[in-house]
C-alpha cells in the first residue's frame, strides 16, 4: 500500500499529519510532495505521481485544498481518497488570497494569481460524477474548523462516509483517530 499526502494552500509536504501517517504506515509508503502554488502545475505533478503509483494499492490523503485535488484525482483515476477538512469551492474560499503570499512552512514568497481561481473552478467534479464516487471518498472533519464550514462540507458530501469530530480546527486535531478509523474501516472496505 502507498499513500500520497496532498497538503493544503500555503503549506508543504512535511508536518505533524505526515508524521502520523509515516509512523502508522511506514516512511517508504507515504509520499509527500511539496506542491507548486500554481494549481495547474500542482495537478500535473500529482497526476504524474498517481499514474506511476496507481497500481500499488494507492490511497490519496488530502487536506483542505489538497482534499479538493484528491477528489479531482479520485474522479479521474478511481483511486480512493481520505480527505481532511477539504475545500469544496477553493475558487471562492481563496479569492481573498490573490496577491503576494508567503508559504508559512517554506517561507517562499510567490504570487497567487486570479487565473488560478479560474483553473480551480474548471477542476470541479460535477455533482453527477461526484455521486458515483461514494465508495471511494472518505471525509474527515473537525467541527470547529475556523476557515471552512464543517457543516456545509458535511452537507456537500451527504450520503458519503463522513466523520465529524467535536472541537478541533482547520489544522485537524484528530489524526490518531483518523488513522485508527482508516485501518479498521476504510482499508478493509477498499481492498
C-alpha atoms as a PDB file:
ATOM      1  CA  UNK A   1       0.000   0.000   0.000  1.00  0.00           C
ATOM      2  CA  UNK A   2       1.151   3.524  -0.841  1.00  0.00           C
ATOM      3  CA  UNK A   3      -0.189   6.908   0.241  1.00  0.00           C
ATOM      4  CA  UNK A   4       0.259  10.239  -1.500  1.00  0.00           C
ATOM      5  CA  UNK A   5      -0.317  13.022   1.011  1.00  0.00           C
ATOM      6  CA  UNK A   6      -1.581  16.227  -0.639  1.00  0.00           C
ATOM      7  CA  UNK A   7      -1.082  19.310   1.516  1.00  0.00           C
ATOM      8  CA  UNK A   8      -3.248  22.400   1.550  1.00  0.00           C
ATOM      9  CA  UNK A   9      -2.834  26.016   0.463  1.00  0.00           C
ATOM     10  CA  UNK A  10       0.383  27.731   1.587  1.00  0.00           C
ATOM     11  CA  UNK A  11       1.706  24.542   3.157  1.00  0.00           C
ATOM     12  CA  UNK A  12       4.326  21.914   2.279  1.00  0.00           C
ATOM     13  CA  UNK A  13       4.983  18.183   2.170  1.00  0.00           C
ATOM     14  CA  UNK A  14       6.061  17.822   5.792  1.00  0.00           C
ATOM     15  CA  UNK A  15       4.485  18.289   9.202  1.00  0.00           C
ATOM     16  CA  UNK A  16       2.559  16.653  12.002  1.00  0.00           C
ATOM     17  CA  UNK A  17      -0.145  14.909   9.926  1.00  0.00           C
ATOM     18  CA  UNK A  18       2.529  13.365   7.709  1.00  0.00           C
ATOM     19  CA  UNK A  19       4.498  12.208  10.755  1.00  0.00           C
ATOM     20  CA  UNK A  20       1.385  10.380  11.982  1.00  0.00           C
ATOM     21  CA  UNK A  21       0.892   8.723   8.578  1.00  0.00           C
ATOM     22  CA  UNK A  22       4.551   7.667   8.340  1.00  0.00           C
ATOM     23  CA  UNK A  23       4.509   6.229  11.845  1.00  0.00           C
ATOM     24  CA  UNK A  24       1.361   4.235  11.048  1.00  0.00           C
ATOM     25  CA  UNK A  25       2.203   3.070   7.509  1.00  0.00           C
ATOM     26  CA  UNK A  26       5.992   3.375   7.164  1.00  0.00           C
ATOM     27  CA  UNK A  27       8.201   6.145   5.769  1.00  0.00           C
ATOM     28  CA  UNK A  28       8.671   4.306   2.486  1.00  0.00           C
ATOM     29  CA  UNK A  29       4.913   4.099   1.904  1.00  0.00           C
ATOM     30  CA  UNK A  30       3.994   7.769   2.381  1.00  0.00           C
ATOM     31  CA  UNK A  31       4.923  10.125  -0.473  1.00  0.00           C
ATOM     32  CA  UNK A  32       4.637  13.807   0.426  1.00  0.00           C
ATOM     33  CA  UNK A  33       5.493  16.242  -2.370  1.00  0.00           C
ATOM     34  CA  UNK A  34       5.683  19.958  -1.745  1.00  0.00           C
ATOM     35  CA  UNK A  35       3.429  21.267  -4.494  1.00  0.00           C
ATOM     36  CA  UNK A  36       3.926  24.368  -6.608  1.00  0.00           C
ATOM     37  CA  UNK A  37       1.484  27.165  -5.688  1.00  0.00           C
ATOM     38  CA  UNK A  38       0.178  27.229  -9.275  1.00  0.00           C
ATOM     39  CA  UNK A  39      -2.764  24.737  -9.258  1.00  0.00           C
ATOM     40  CA  UNK A  40      -2.174  23.693 -12.861  1.00  0.00           C
ATOM     41  CA  UNK A  41       1.449  22.749 -12.119  1.00  0.00           C
ATOM     42  CA  UNK A  42       0.431  21.112  -8.838  1.00  0.00           C
ATOM     43  CA  UNK A  43      -2.178  18.907 -10.506  1.00  0.00           C
ATOM     44  CA  UNK A  44       0.243  17.915 -13.283  1.00  0.00           C
ATOM     45  CA  UNK A  45       2.746  16.749 -10.666  1.00  0.00           C
ATOM     46  CA  UNK A  46       0.037  14.852  -8.779  1.00  0.00           C
ATOM     47  CA  UNK A  47      -1.283  13.252 -11.982  1.00  0.00           C
ATOM     48  CA  UNK A  48       2.252  12.090 -12.800  1.00  0.00           C
ATOM     49  CA  UNK A  49       2.630  10.512  -9.339  1.00  0.00           C
ATOM     50  CA  UNK A  50      -0.802   8.853  -9.444  1.00  0.00           C
ATOM     51  CA  UNK A  51      -0.104   7.491 -12.954  1.00  0.00           C
ATOM     52  CA  UNK A  52       3.146   5.928 -11.697  1.00  0.00           C
ATOM     53  CA  UNK A  53       1.672   4.540  -8.472  1.00  0.00           C
ATOM     54  CA  UNK A  54      -1.995   3.751  -9.155  1.00  0.00           C
ATOM     55  CA  UNK A  55      -1.297   0.001  -9.283  1.00  0.00           C
ATOM     56  CA  UNK A  56       0.411  -0.001  -5.846  1.00  0.00           C
ATOM     57  CA  UNK A  57      -2.820  -0.154  -3.803  1.00  0.00           C
ATOM     58  CA  UNK A  58      -2.700   3.653  -3.742  1.00  0.00           C
ATOM     59  CA  UNK A  59      -4.601   5.955  -1.392  1.00  0.00           C
ATOM     60  CA  UNK A  60      -4.705   9.734  -1.513  1.00  0.00           C
ATOM     61  CA  UNK A  61      -4.855  11.718   1.709  1.00  0.00           C
ATOM     62  CA  UNK A  62      -5.637  15.382   1.087  1.00  0.00           C
ATOM     63  CA  UNK A  63      -6.081  18.293   3.448  1.00  0.00           C
ATOM     64  CA  UNK A  64      -8.052  21.462   2.625  1.00  0.00           C
ATOM     65  CA  UNK A  65      -7.048  22.440  -0.949  1.00  0.00           C
ATOM     66  CA  UNK A  66      -5.286  19.056  -1.086  1.00  0.00           C
ATOM     67  CA  UNK A  67      -8.671  17.471  -0.378  1.00  0.00           C
ATOM     68  CA  UNK A  68     -10.098  19.256  -3.412  1.00  0.00           C
ATOM     69  CA  UNK A  69      -7.188  17.980  -5.524  1.00  0.00           C
ATOM     70  CA  UNK A  70      -7.759  14.466  -4.163  1.00  0.00           C
ATOM     71  CA  UNK A  71     -11.442  14.486  -5.210  1.00  0.00           C
ATOM     72  CA  UNK A  72     -10.418  15.534  -8.730  1.00  0.00           C
ATOM     73  CA  UNK A  73      -7.820  12.728  -8.871  1.00  0.00           C
ATOM     74  CA  UNK A  74     -10.248  10.142  -7.493  1.00  0.00           C
ATOM     75  CA  UNK A  75     -12.698  11.082 -10.214  1.00  0.00           C
ATOM     76  CA  UNK A  76     -10.018  10.834 -12.908  1.00  0.00           C
ATOM     77  CA  UNK A  77      -8.190   7.672 -11.743  1.00  0.00           C
ATOM     78  CA  UNK A  78     -10.596   5.833  -9.431  1.00  0.00           C
ATOM     79  CA  UNK A  79      -8.130   5.700  -6.520  1.00  0.00           C
ATOM     80  CA  UNK A  80      -9.624   6.111  -3.031  1.00  0.00           C
ATOM     81  CA  UNK A  81      -9.275   9.407  -1.154  1.00  0.00           C
ATOM     82  CA  UNK A  82      -9.271  10.254   2.508  1.00  0.00           C
ATOM     83  CA  UNK A  83      -9.989  13.978   2.663  1.00  0.00           C
ATOM     84  CA  UNK A  84      -9.469  16.114   5.764  1.00  0.00           C
ATOM     85  CA  UNK A  85     -11.312  19.431   6.214  1.00  0.00           C
ATOM     86  CA  UNK A  86     -11.498  19.627   2.420  1.00  0.00           C
ATOM     87  CA  UNK A  87     -12.133  22.745   0.425  1.00  0.00           C
ATOM     88  CA  UNK A  88     -15.167  22.167  -1.795  1.00  0.00           C
ATOM     89  CA  UNK A  89     -15.045  25.532  -3.601  1.00  0.00           C
ATOM     90  CA  UNK A  90     -11.460  26.827  -3.458  1.00  0.00           C
ATOM     91  CA  UNK A  91     -12.145  29.358  -6.220  1.00  0.00           C
ATOM     92  CA  UNK A  92     -14.368  31.061  -3.641  1.00  0.00           C
ATOM     93  CA  UNK A  93     -12.521  30.370  -0.387  1.00  0.00           C
ATOM     94  CA  UNK A  94      -9.173  31.501  -1.840  1.00  0.00           C
ATOM     95  CA  UNK A  95     -10.322  34.628  -3.690  1.00  0.00           C
ATOM     96  CA  UNK A  96      -9.076  36.881  -0.868  1.00  0.00           C
ATOM     97  CA  UNK A  97      -5.636  35.243  -1.158  1.00  0.00           C
ATOM     98  CA  UNK A  98      -4.939  36.629  -4.652  1.00  0.00           C
ATOM     99  CA  UNK A  99      -1.701  38.595  -4.493  1.00  0.00           C
ATOM    100  CA  UNK A 100       1.665  38.142  -2.818  1.00  0.00           C
ATOM    101  CA  UNK A 101       1.816  35.159  -0.470  1.00  0.00           C
ATOM    102  CA  UNK A 102       4.459  33.706   1.816  1.00  0.00           C
ATOM    103  CA  UNK A 103       4.281  29.964   2.399  1.00  0.00           C
ATOM    104  CA  UNK A 104       4.069  29.504   6.162  1.00  0.00           C
ATOM    105  CA  UNK A 105       6.291  26.388   6.119  1.00  0.00           C
ATOM    106  CA  UNK A 106       8.877  27.108   3.405  1.00  0.00           C
ATOM    107  CA  UNK A 107       8.890  30.946   3.672  1.00  0.00           C
ATOM    108  CA  UNK A 108       8.778  31.028  -0.153  1.00  0.00           C
ATOM    109  CA  UNK A 109       7.220  34.245  -1.480  1.00  0.00           C
ATOM    110  CA  UNK A 110       5.088  33.970  -4.623  1.00  0.00           C
ATOM    111  CA  UNK A 111       2.132  35.477  -6.458  1.00  0.00           C
ATOM    112  CA  UNK A 112      -1.195  33.704  -6.143  1.00  0.00           C
ATOM    113  CA  UNK A 113      -2.928  34.797  -9.348  1.00  0.00           C
ATOM    114  CA  UNK A 114      -6.555  35.396 -10.190  1.00  0.00           C
ATOM    115  CA  UNK A 115      -6.337  32.944 -13.118  1.00  0.00           C
ATOM    116  CA  UNK A 116      -5.535  30.196 -10.593  1.00  0.00           C
ATOM    117  CA  UNK A 117      -9.094  30.575  -9.272  1.00  0.00           C
ATOM    118  CA  UNK A 118     -10.481  30.062 -12.775  1.00  0.00           C
ATOM    119  CA  UNK A 119      -8.398  26.897 -13.189  1.00  0.00           C
ATOM    120  CA  UNK A 120      -9.639  25.576  -9.830  1.00  0.00           C
ATOM    121  CA  UNK A 121     -13.256  26.187 -10.874  1.00  0.00           C
ATOM    122  CA  UNK A 122     -12.623  24.222 -14.085  1.00  0.00           C
ATOM    123  CA  UNK A 123     -11.346  21.292 -11.976  1.00  0.00           C
ATOM    124  CA  UNK A 124     -14.604  20.979 -10.045  1.00  0.00           C
ATOM    125  CA  UNK A 125     -16.074  17.490 -10.249  1.00  0.00           C
ATOM    126  CA  UNK A 126     -19.717  17.864 -11.365  1.00  0.00           C
ATOM    127  CA  UNK A 127     -22.277  16.723  -8.768  1.00  0.00           C
ATOM    128  CA  UNK A 128     -23.470  13.901 -11.054  1.00  0.00           C
ATOM    129  CA  UNK A 129     -19.935  12.466 -11.294  1.00  0.00           C
ATOM    130  CA  UNK A 130     -19.298  13.071  -7.597  1.00  0.00           C
ATOM    131  CA  UNK A 131     -22.305  10.887  -6.749  1.00  0.00           C
ATOM    132  CA  UNK A 132     -20.518   7.941  -8.411  1.00  0.00           C
ATOM    133  CA  UNK A 133     -17.570   8.237  -6.013  1.00  0.00           C
ATOM    134  CA  UNK A 134     -19.374   7.434  -2.745  1.00  0.00           C
ATOM    135  CA  UNK A 135     -17.385   4.223  -2.276  1.00  0.00           C
ATOM    136  CA  UNK A 136     -14.062   5.995  -2.992  1.00  0.00           C
ATOM    137  CA  UNK A 137     -14.131   9.204  -0.924  1.00  0.00           C
ATOM    138  CA  UNK A 138     -13.936   9.290   2.877  1.00  0.00           C
ATOM    139  CA  UNK A 139     -14.393  12.645   4.609  1.00  0.00           C
ATOM    140  CA  UNK A 140     -12.968  13.671   7.997  1.00  0.00           C
ATOM    141  CA  UNK A 141     -13.899  16.986   9.587  1.00  0.00           C
ATOM    142  CA  UNK A 142     -13.126  18.937  12.723  1.00  0.00           C
ATOM    143  CA  UNK A 143     -16.335  20.648  13.752  1.00  0.00           C
ATOM    144  CA  UNK A 144     -14.660  23.891  14.815  1.00  0.00           C
ATOM    145  CA  UNK A 145     -12.760  24.449  11.560  1.00  0.00           C
ATOM    146  CA  UNK A 146     -12.260  28.214  11.593  1.00  0.00           C
ATOM    147  CA  UNK A 147     -11.606  28.525   7.823  1.00  0.00           C
ATOM    148  CA  UNK A 148     -14.115  26.193   6.163  1.00  0.00           C
ATOM    149  CA  UNK A 149     -17.616  25.493   7.476  1.00  0.00           C
ATOM    150  CA  UNK A 150     -17.552  21.831   8.502  1.00  0.00           C
ATOM    151  CA  UNK A 151     -21.353  21.555   8.478  1.00  0.00           C
ATOM    152  CA  UNK A 152     -21.537  22.884   4.898  1.00  0.00           C
ATOM    153  CA  UNK A 153     -18.840  20.377   3.912  1.00  0.00           C
ATOM    154  CA  UNK A 154     -20.746  17.538   5.586  1.00  0.00           C
ATOM    155  CA  UNK A 155     -23.860  18.585   3.666  1.00  0.00           C
ATOM    156  CA  UNK A 156     -21.888  18.755   0.393  1.00  0.00           C
ATOM    157  CA  UNK A 157     -20.760  15.163   0.980  1.00  0.00           C
ATOM    158  CA  UNK A 158     -24.057  13.878   2.395  1.00  0.00           C
ATOM    159  CA  UNK A 159     -24.508  10.148   1.727  1.00  0.00           C
ATOM    160  CA  UNK A 160     -20.686   9.755   1.714  1.00  0.00           C
ATOM    161  CA  UNK A 161     -18.619   8.314   4.537  1.00  0.00           C
ATOM    162  CA  UNK A 162     -18.276  11.400   6.775  1.00  0.00           C
ATOM    163  CA  UNK A 163     -16.816  11.546  10.278  1.00  0.00           C
ATOM    164  CA  UNK A 164     -17.031  14.829  12.156  1.00  0.00           C
ATOM    165  CA  UNK A 165     -15.061  15.195  15.365  1.00  0.00           C
ATOM    166  CA  UNK A 166     -16.152  17.693  18.023  1.00  0.00           C
ATOM    167  CA  UNK A 167     -13.924  20.712  18.575  1.00  0.00           C
ATOM    168  CA  UNK A 168     -10.630  20.691  16.659  1.00  0.00           C
ATOM    169  CA  UNK A 169      -9.742  23.261  13.996  1.00  0.00           C
ATOM    170  CA  UNK A 170      -8.709  23.648  10.353  1.00  0.00           C
ATOM    171  CA  UNK A 171      -5.322  22.074  11.052  1.00  0.00           C
ATOM    172  CA  UNK A 172      -7.238  18.943  12.187  1.00  0.00           C
ATOM    173  CA  UNK A 173      -6.675  17.694  15.720  1.00  0.00           C
ATOM    174  CA  UNK A 174      -7.725  14.053  15.265  1.00  0.00           C
ATOM    175  CA  UNK A 175      -5.073  12.287  13.170  1.00  0.00           C
ATOM    176  CA  UNK A 176      -4.718   9.402  15.646  1.00  0.00           C
ATOM    177  CA  UNK A 177      -8.460   8.733  15.478  1.00  0.00           C
ATOM    178  CA  UNK A 178      -8.480   9.107  11.688  1.00  0.00           C
ATOM    179  CA  UNK A 179      -5.655   6.570  11.262  1.00  0.00           C
ATOM    180  CA  UNK A 180      -7.379   4.127  13.605  1.00  0.00           C
ATOM    181  CA  UNK A 181     -10.627   4.504  11.655  1.00  0.00           C
ATOM    182  CA  UNK A 182      -8.766   4.230   8.363  1.00  0.00           C
ATOM    183  CA  UNK A 183      -7.160   0.936   9.429  1.00  0.00           C
ATOM    184  CA  UNK A 184     -10.358  -0.537  10.885  1.00  0.00           C
ATOM    185  CA  UNK A 185     -12.890   0.620   8.296  1.00  0.00           C
ATOM    186  CA  UNK A 186     -11.561   2.160   5.076  1.00  0.00           C
ATOM    187  CA  UNK A 187      -8.655  -0.126   4.236  1.00  0.00           C
ATOM    188  CA  UNK A 188     -10.904  -3.127   4.841  1.00  0.00           C
ATOM    189  CA  UNK A 189     -13.687  -1.753   2.586  1.00  0.00           C
ATOM    190  CA  UNK A 190     -11.488  -0.747  -0.335  1.00  0.00           C
ATOM    191  CA  UNK A 191      -9.228  -3.812  -0.685  1.00  0.00           C
END
